[in-house]
Amino acid sequence: METLRRLALRIRLNKVDGVGITGPVLLHELLPESRIVQGWCRINGKNPCWHVVVFNGDECLDIGHEMACMQDPDFRKHSVTFTTEEPEEGVESDKMVLDTWEIYQANPGNFWKMAPKKIQDFRSKMKRLHSEGKL
């Protein structure tokens, strides 16, 4: 999807990557009919880790994967699977990211208020560009 790629490029260009779940949350906001889903991903079938993706209809949009492929084009060669079923074995996760997800789930407004000013400004800019048909 073009919005996914363009948003990922803008995130990288504006150096606001590496900020937890901000990418998927913003993508979800830009696609009003979408839904944001937490689950687990596996890379090459190993080490499940907690992950958030956006579904637009039946299409799974993974901005984290897109960003990883931009950083390392060879990453596209890896098999990445996503599931909403919690794996039985240990799961890798970042407590701060999980806490941020809980804040977002409870109140998206508070999530954005707690975000750094640079992220808030970036969000405003992306929403404006999207409404103008430029994203």
Foldseek 3Di string as FASTA:
>chain_A
DVVLLVLLVLCVVLVVPPPACLSQVLVCVLQVQKDKAWWWKDKQNDAIAIAIWIDDDNDTRHSVQSNVCVVPVCSVVIDMDTDRDHDPDDYDYDPVNVVLVVVCVVPVVVSLVPDDPSSVVSSVVSNVCSVVVND
